[in-house]
Amino acid sequence: MTNEEQIMLQSIKKLFSEIDKLKSDLALKREELQTMYMEHKGLTKKIETLQKENNCLRNKVNQLKEDYQTMYEHP
């Protein structure tokens, strides 16, 4: 094997090594992305739940105000 062939072989080995490292990094990033997606999905559900609860509480407050006003006007 000539010197050029050995150098080329070493370069190819380095490229394969870099490709393997990039594949590993990509797999980790995918896992992180999936985790972030699930976290986002959970937080979105919490926000929706809290918004519904907030609307219910606002409605209750408004109803209490109306009840108070009615009681105040007609003792």
N, C-alpha and C. Protein backbone atom coordinates (compact mmCIF):
# COMPACT_ATOMS: atom_id res chain seq x y z
N MET A 1 0.86 -1.17 0.00
CA MET A 1 0.00 0.00 0.00
C MET A 1 0.90 1.23 0.00
N THR A 2 0.61 2.14 -0.89
CA THR A 2 1.43 3.34 -1.01
C THR A 2 1.10 4.32 0.11
N ASN A 3 1.96 5.28 0.23
CA ASN A 3 1.78 6.31 1.25
C ASN A 3 0.49 7.10 1.00
N GLU A 4 0.22 7.39 -0.27
CA GLU A 4 -1.01 8.12 -0.62
C GLU A 4 -2.24 7.33 -0.23
N GLU A 5 -2.21 6.04 -0.48
CA GLU A 5 -3.33 5.18 -0.14
C GLU A 5 -3.56 5.13 1.37
N GLN A 6 -2.46 5.08 2.12
CA GLN A 6 -2.56 5.06 3.58
C GLN A 6 -3.17 6.37 4.10
N ILE A 7 -2.71 7.48 3.51
CA ILE A 7 -3.24 8.79 3.90
C ILE A 7 -4.73 8.87 3.57
N MET A 8 -5.08 8.40 2.37
CA MET A 8 -6.48 8.41 1.96
C MET A 8 -7.32 7.52 2.88
N LEU A 9 -6.79 6.36 3.24
CA LEU A 9 -7.48 5.44 4.14
C LEU A 9 -7.69 6.07 5.51
N GLN A 10 -6.67 6.76 6.01
CA GLN A 10 -6.80 7.44 7.29
C GLN A 10 -7.85 8.55 7.22
N SER A 11 -7.87 9.27 6.10
CA SER A 11 -8.87 10.33 5.92
C SER A 11 -10.27 9.74 5.90
N ILE A 12 -10.44 8.63 5.22
CA ILE A 12 -11.74 7.97 5.15
C ILE A 12 -12.16 7.49 6.54
N LYS A 13 -11.22 6.94 7.30
CA LYS A 13 -11.52 6.49 8.66
C LYS A 13 -11.94 7.68 9.53
N LYS A 14 -11.26 8.81 9.38
CA LYS A 14 -11.62 10.01 10.15
C LYS A 14 -13.03 10.48 9.77
N LEU A 15 -13.33 10.44 8.47
CA LEU A 15 -14.66 10.85 8.02
C LEU A 15 -15.74 9.95 8.61
N PHE A 16 -15.50 8.63 8.58
CA PHE A 16 -16.46 7.70 9.16
C PHE A 16 -16.62 7.94 10.66
N SER A 17 -15.52 8.23 11.32
CA SER A 17 -15.57 8.52 12.75
C SER A 17 -16.40 9.79 13.00
N GLU A 18 -16.20 10.81 12.19
CA GLU A 18 -16.96 12.05 12.33
C GLU A 18 -18.45 11.81 12.04
N ILE A 19 -18.72 10.98 11.03
CA ILE A 19 -20.11 10.66 10.69
C ILE A 19 -20.77 9.93 11.86
N ASP A 20 -20.07 8.99 12.47
CA ASP A 20 -20.61 8.27 13.62
C ASP A 20 -20.88 9.22 14.77
N LYS A 21 -19.97 10.16 14.99
CA LYS A 21 -20.16 11.14 16.06
C LYS A 21 -21.36 12.02 15.76
N LEU A 22 -21.51 12.44 14.51
CA LEU A 22 -22.66 13.26 14.12
C LEU A 22 -23.97 12.49 14.27
N LYS A 23 -23.96 11.22 13.93
CA LYS A 23 -25.16 10.39 14.12
C LYS A 23 -25.53 10.31 15.60
N SER A 24 -24.53 10.14 16.43
CA SER A 24 -24.76 10.07 17.87
C SER A 24 -25.31 11.40 18.39
N ASP A 25 -24.72 12.51 17.94
CA ASP A 25 -25.20 13.84 18.33
C ASP A 25 -26.64 14.05 17.87
N LEU A 26 -26.94 13.61 16.65
CA LEU A 26 -28.29 13.75 16.12
C LEU A 26 -29.29 12.95 16.95
N ALA A 27 -28.90 11.75 17.34
CA ALA A 27 -29.79 10.93 18.17
C ALA A 27 -30.07 11.62 19.50
N LEU A 28 -29.05 12.20 20.11
CA LEU A 28 -29.23 12.93 21.36
C LEU A 28 -30.15 14.14 21.17
N LYS A 29 -29.95 14.86 20.08
CA LYS A 29 -30.79 16.03 19.81
C LYS A 29 -32.24 15.61 19.59
N ARG A 30 -32.44 14.48 18.92
CA ARG A 30 -33.81 13.98 18.72
C ARG A 30 -34.46 13.68 20.06
N GLU A 31 -33.71 13.03 20.95
CA GLU A 31 -34.24 12.73 22.28
C GLU A 31 -34.60 14.01 23.02
N GLU A 32 -33.71 14.99 22.96
CA GLU A 32 -33.96 16.27 23.62
C GLU A 32 -35.21 16.93 23.03
N LEU A 33 -35.33 16.89 21.71
CA LEU A 33 -36.47 17.48 21.04
C LEU A 33 -37.77 16.78 21.44
N GLN A 34 -37.74 15.46 21.51
CA GLN A 34 -38.93 14.71 21.92
C GLN A 34 -39.30 15.06 23.36
N THR A 35 -38.32 15.18 24.22
CA THR A 35 -38.56 15.55 25.62
C THR A 35 -39.18 16.94 25.69
N MET A 36 -38.62 17.87 24.93
CA MET A 36 -39.15 19.24 24.92
C MET A 36 -40.57 19.26 24.37
N TYR A 37 -40.84 18.44 23.36
CA TYR A 37 -42.19 18.38 22.79
C TYR A 37 -43.19 17.88 23.83
N MET A 38 -42.83 16.82 24.53
CA MET A 38 -43.72 16.27 25.55
C MET A 38 -43.94 17.28 26.68
N GLU A 39 -42.88 17.98 27.04
CA GLU A 39 -42.98 19.01 28.07
C GLU A 39 -43.93 20.13 27.60
N HIS A 40 -43.76 20.55 26.36
CA HIS A 40 -44.61 21.59 25.78
C HIS A 40 -46.06 21.13 25.76
N LYS A 41 -46.28 19.89 25.36
CA LYS A 41 -47.63 19.34 25.30
C LYS A 41 -48.28 19.35 26.69
N GLY A 42 -47.51 18.95 27.70
CA GLY A 42 -48.02 18.95 29.07
C GLY A 42 -48.34 20.35 29.56
N LEU A 43 -47.45 21.30 29.25
CA LEU A 43 -47.67 22.68 29.67
C LEU A 43 -48.87 23.28 28.95
N THR A 44 -49.05 22.93 27.69
CA THR A 44 -50.21 23.42 26.95
C THR A 44 -51.50 22.93 27.58
N LYS A 45 -51.52 21.67 27.98
CA LYS A 45 -52.70 21.11 28.64
C LYS A 45 -52.96 21.83 29.96
N LYS A 46 -51.88 22.11 30.72
CA LYS A 46 -52.04 22.82 31.99
C LYS A 46 -52.61 24.21 31.75
N ILE A 47 -52.10 24.89 30.73
CA ILE A 47 -52.58 26.23 30.41
C ILE A 47 -54.06 26.20 30.08
N GLU A 48 -54.45 25.23 29.24
CA GLU A 48 -55.86 25.11 28.88
C GLU A 48 -56.73 24.86 30.11
N THR A 49 -56.27 23.98 30.98
CA THR A 49 -57.01 23.68 32.21
C THR A 49 -57.14 24.92 33.08
N LEU A 50 -56.04 25.65 33.24
CA LEU A 50 -56.06 26.86 34.06
C LEU A 50 -56.94 27.95 33.44
N GLN A 51 -56.95 28.03 32.11
CA GLN A 51 -57.82 29.02 31.47
C GLN A 51 -59.29 28.68 31.70
N LYS A 52 -59.62 27.40 31.61
CA LYS A 52 -61.00 26.99 31.88
C LYS A 52 -61.39 27.29 33.33
N GLU A 53 -60.47 26.97 34.24
CA GLU A 53 -60.72 27.24 35.66
C GLU A 53 -60.88 28.74 35.90
N ASN A 54 -60.04 29.52 35.24
CA ASN A 54 -60.10 30.97 35.38
C ASN A 54 -61.45 31.48 34.88
N ASN A 55 -61.92 30.97 33.76
CA ASN A 55 -63.22 31.39 33.24
C ASN A 55 -64.34 31.02 34.21
N CYS A 56 -64.27 29.83 34.78
CA CYS A 56 -65.29 29.42 35.76
C CYS A 56 -65.27 30.35 36.97
N LEU A 57 -64.09 30.66 37.45
CA LEU A 57 -63.98 31.54 38.61
C LEU A 57 -64.49 32.94 38.28
N ARG A 58 -64.19 33.43 37.10
CA ARG A 58 -64.71 34.75 36.69
C ARG A 58 -66.23 34.73 36.66
N ASN A 59 -66.78 33.65 36.11
CA ASN A 59 -68.24 33.54 36.06
C ASN A 59 -68.84 33.51 37.47
N LYS A 60 -68.19 32.79 38.38
CA LYS A 60 -68.67 32.74 39.77
C LYS A 60 -68.61 34.12 40.41
N VAL A 61 -67.51 34.83 40.19
CA VAL A 61 -67.36 36.18 40.74
C VAL A 61 -68.45 37.09 40.19
N ASN A 62 -68.68 37.01 38.88
CA ASN A 62 -69.73 37.84 38.28
C ASN A 62 -71.10 37.48 38.86
N GLN A 63 -71.35 36.19 39.06
CA GLN A 63 -72.63 35.77 39.63
C GLN A 63 -72.77 36.28 41.06
N LEU A 64 -71.67 36.21 41.83
CA LEU A 64 -71.71 36.72 43.20
C LEU A 64 -71.97 38.22 43.22
N LYS A 65 -71.36 38.94 42.27
CA LYS A 65 -71.60 40.38 42.18
C LYS A 65 -73.07 40.66 41.89
N GLU A 66 -73.61 39.89 40.95
CA GLU A 66 -75.03 40.06 40.62
C GLU A 66 -75.92 39.73 41.81
N ASP A 67 -75.60 38.65 42.50
CA ASP A 67 -76.37 38.28 43.69
C ASP A 67 -76.29 39.37 44.75
N TYR A 68 -75.11 39.88 44.97
CA TYR A 68 -74.92 40.95 45.95
C TYR A 68 -75.74 42.18 45.56
N GLN A 69 -75.65 42.52 44.28
CA GLN A 69 -76.38 43.70 43.80
C GLN A 69 -77.88 43.50 43.98
N THR A 70 -78.37 42.31 43.68
CA THR A 70 -79.80 42.01 43.86
C THR A 70 -80.17 42.09 45.32
N MET A 71 -79.37 41.52 46.18
CA MET A 71 -79.65 41.55 47.63
C MET A 71 -79.59 42.97 48.17
N TYR A 72 -78.67 43.75 47.65
CA TYR A 72 -78.50 45.13 48.12
C TYR A 72 -79.69 45.97 47.68
N GLU A 73 -80.17 45.75 46.47
CA GLU A 73 -81.29 46.54 45.95
C GLU A 73 -82.62 46.10 46.57
N HIS A 74 -82.76 44.83 46.86
CA HIS A 74 -84.01 44.28 47.43
C HIS A 74 -83.74 43.56 48.73
N PRO A 75 -83.58 44.31 49.79
CA PRO A 75 -83.24 43.66 51.08
C PRO A 75 -84.34 42.81 51.67
